[in-house]
Amino acid sequence: MDDIERLIILEDLRRLMAHYVYSADQQRWPELAALFIPDGTFTPHNVDGSVARRMTGREEIAATIPATIGPGAVVIHHLFSDEIDMDSAASAHGVFAMEDLISRPASTGGQFTSMHGYGHYRPRFTRTSGRWYIAELALTRLRVDFTY
C-alpha cells in the first residue's frame, strides 16, 4: 500500500467515526448500527475498567443504546485526536479521544439528569465489499461527572 492509499484509508476511517457520532447525536440508531458489521460489538466500560454492557449485532446495538440513554435525552459527542494503525488493506484499529454529554428531562427514580464523560473510543475496523465498517468498538472512560 502506498502513501496515497494509506491517507485515503485514514480519511475513510475518520469519516466513519464522524458518521458514528453524528448518528448518535441525531439519535438515528438504525443508521448508527448499520456502521457495524452484522455481528459487530459495542462494549462501553466504566471508569474502573469494568464492562458496563456488551452489545452484539446491529439489532442489539440499535435497541440498547437508546434504551440506556432514555426518552427525551439530548446527546452530544466530540471526537478529538486519533491514532489509526492499518493492519492490512482491509483491517485497521485505532483510538479516538472523546467527550460526551447527555442531558435528560427531570430525574425520576434517582437517575442522572446530566452526564459529562471523557475517554476513548477504541475501534477495530474491517473492509468488506469495498466499504469500511466497525467490527468492534470499545468505549473506555477516564472520568464521568453526573448531576442528579
Protein backbone atom coordinates (compact mmCIF):
# COMPACT_ATOMS: atom_id res chain seq x y z
CA MET A 1 0.00 0.00 0.00
CA ASP A 2 1.45 3.37 -0.99
CA ASP A 3 1.23 6.65 0.93
CA ILE A 4 -1.79 7.93 -1.02
CA GLU A 5 -3.72 4.70 -0.40
CA ARG A 6 -2.85 4.90 3.29
CA LEU A 7 -4.04 8.52 3.53
CA ILE A 8 -7.30 7.66 1.75
CA ILE A 9 -7.94 4.83 4.21
CA LEU A 10 -7.16 7.08 7.19
CA GLU A 11 -9.65 9.66 5.94
CA ASP A 12 -12.28 6.98 5.28
CA LEU A 13 -11.93 5.72 8.86
CA ARG A 14 -12.07 9.22 10.34
CA ARG A 15 -15.24 9.87 8.34
CA LEU A 16 -16.72 6.56 9.52
CA MET A 17 -16.22 7.55 13.17
CA ALA A 18 -17.55 11.06 12.46
CA HIS A 19 -20.66 9.45 10.97
CA TYR A 20 -20.96 7.29 14.09
CA VAL A 21 -21.02 10.27 16.47
CA TYR A 22 -23.27 12.31 14.17
CA SER A 23 -25.75 9.41 14.04
CA ALA A 24 -25.62 9.18 17.85
CA ASP A 25 -26.19 12.92 18.29
CA GLN A 26 -29.12 12.81 15.85
CA GLN A 27 -30.40 9.65 17.58
CA ARG A 28 -30.50 7.76 14.30
CA TRP A 29 -29.94 4.39 15.93
CA PRO A 30 -30.52 2.09 12.91
CA GLU A 31 -28.16 4.30 10.86
CA LEU A 32 -25.55 4.11 13.63
CA ALA A 33 -25.92 0.33 13.92
CA ALA A 34 -25.52 -0.06 10.14
CA LEU A 35 -21.95 1.26 10.51
CA PHE A 36 -21.07 -2.05 12.25
CA ILE A 37 -20.58 -5.41 10.58
CA PRO A 38 -23.69 -7.58 11.14
CA ASP A 39 -22.19 -9.27 14.22
CA GLY A 40 -20.18 -6.25 15.36
CA THR A 41 -19.79 -5.47 19.03
CA PHE A 42 -20.03 -2.32 21.13
CA THR A 43 -18.65 -2.53 24.66
CA PRO A 44 -18.80 0.54 26.91
CA HIS A 45 -16.68 0.37 30.07
CA ASN A 46 -17.00 2.06 33.44
CA VAL A 47 -14.27 4.35 34.78
CA ASP A 48 -12.86 1.46 36.85
CA GLY A 49 -12.39 -0.56 33.63
CA SER A 50 -15.23 -2.98 34.22
CA VAL A 51 -17.62 -3.69 31.35
CA ALA A 52 -20.81 -1.64 31.67
CA ARG A 53 -22.56 -3.73 29.00
CA ARG A 54 -21.75 -5.60 25.82
CA MET A 55 -23.89 -5.39 22.71
CA THR A 56 -23.52 -7.81 19.81
CA GLY A 57 -25.11 -7.32 16.41
CA ARG A 58 -26.78 -4.38 14.74
CA GLU A 59 -30.24 -5.04 16.21
CA GLU A 60 -29.00 -5.16 19.79
CA ILE A 61 -26.86 -2.04 19.30
CA ALA A 62 -29.79 -0.13 17.76
CA ALA A 63 -32.13 -1.15 20.60
CA THR A 64 -29.83 -0.96 23.64
CA ILE A 65 -28.22 2.46 23.18
CA PRO A 66 -31.48 4.47 23.10
CA ALA A 67 -32.96 2.40 25.93
CA THR A 68 -29.88 3.19 28.04
CA ILE A 69 -29.95 6.91 27.24
CA GLY A 70 -33.66 7.25 27.89
CA PRO A 71 -36.52 9.15 26.25
CA GLY A 72 -36.21 12.88 25.70
CA ALA A 73 -32.44 12.96 26.17
CA VAL A 74 -30.12 15.24 24.24
CA VAL A 75 -26.85 13.55 23.26
CA ILE A 76 -23.64 15.35 22.24
CA HIS A 77 -20.36 13.72 21.19
CA HIS A 78 -16.97 15.16 20.34
CA LEU A 79 -14.07 13.26 18.78
CA PHE A 80 -10.55 14.63 19.10
CA SER A 81 -7.09 13.27 18.37
CA ASP A 82 -6.93 9.91 16.72
CA GLU A 83 -4.31 7.26 16.15
CA ILE A 84 -5.13 4.76 13.43
CA ASP A 85 -2.94 1.80 12.51
CA MET A 86 -3.55 -0.25 9.40
CA ASP A 87 -3.08 -3.97 9.84
CA SER A 88 -3.75 -4.62 6.13
CA ALA A 89 -5.67 -3.08 3.23
CA ALA A 90 -8.86 -4.48 4.81
CA SER A 91 -8.20 -4.22 8.55
CA ALA A 92 -7.29 -1.40 10.93
CA HIS A 93 -7.57 -0.41 14.56
CA GLY A 94 -7.25 2.83 16.44
CA VAL A 95 -8.03 5.07 19.35
CA PHE A 96 -10.03 8.32 19.32
CA ALA A 97 -10.14 10.71 22.27
CA MET A 98 -13.77 11.54 23.02
CA GLU A 99 -16.08 13.58 25.18
CA ASP A 100 -19.81 13.04 25.52
CA LEU A 101 -22.69 14.81 27.19
CA ILE A 102 -26.16 13.51 27.92
CA SER A 103 -28.91 15.79 29.17
CA ARG A 104 -32.20 14.23 30.30
CA PRO A 105 -35.53 15.68 31.38
CA ALA A 106 -36.19 15.95 35.12
CA SER A 107 -34.85 12.97 37.03
CA THR A 108 -37.09 10.19 38.28
CA GLY A 109 -36.05 7.26 40.38
CA GLY A 110 -32.55 8.52 41.16
CA GLN A 111 -31.35 8.60 37.54
CA PHE A 112 -29.00 11.35 36.48
CA THR A 113 -30.24 14.43 34.63
CA SER A 114 -26.88 15.14 33.03
CA MET A 115 -23.70 13.25 32.36
CA HIS A 116 -20.37 14.58 31.09
CA GLY A 117 -17.95 11.85 30.12
CA TYR A 118 -14.34 11.73 28.95
CA GLY A 119 -12.46 8.82 27.47
CA HIS A 120 -11.56 6.97 24.31
CA TYR A 121 -13.23 5.03 21.56
CA ARG A 122 -11.13 2.03 20.57
CA PRO A 123 -12.43 0.68 17.26
CA ARG A 124 -11.36 -2.24 15.14
CA PHE A 125 -12.32 -1.71 11.51
CA THR A 126 -12.80 -4.13 8.65
CA ARG A 127 -13.32 -3.55 4.96
CA THR A 128 -15.94 -5.65 3.21
CA SER A 129 -17.10 -5.28 -0.41
CA GLY A 130 -15.08 -2.06 -0.73
CA ARG A 131 -16.63 -0.38 2.33
CA TRP A 132 -15.27 0.14 5.85
CA TYR A 133 -17.27 -0.98 8.88
CA ILE A 134 -16.77 -1.09 12.63
CA ALA A 135 -16.13 -4.69 13.70
CA GLU A 136 -15.59 -3.91 17.39
CA LEU A 137 -15.95 -0.70 19.35
CA ALA A 138 -14.89 -0.33 22.96
CA LEU A 139 -15.57 2.85 24.91
CA THR A 140 -13.15 3.32 27.78
CA ARG A 141 -13.75 6.03 30.37
CA LEU A 142 -11.29 8.28 32.18
CA ARG A 143 -13.87 10.32 34.05
CA VAL A 144 -17.64 10.72 34.24
CA ASP A 145 -19.42 13.59 36.03
CA PHE A 146 -23.10 13.21 36.90
CA THR A 147 -25.78 15.68 38.01
CA TYR A 148 -28.88 14.35 39.75
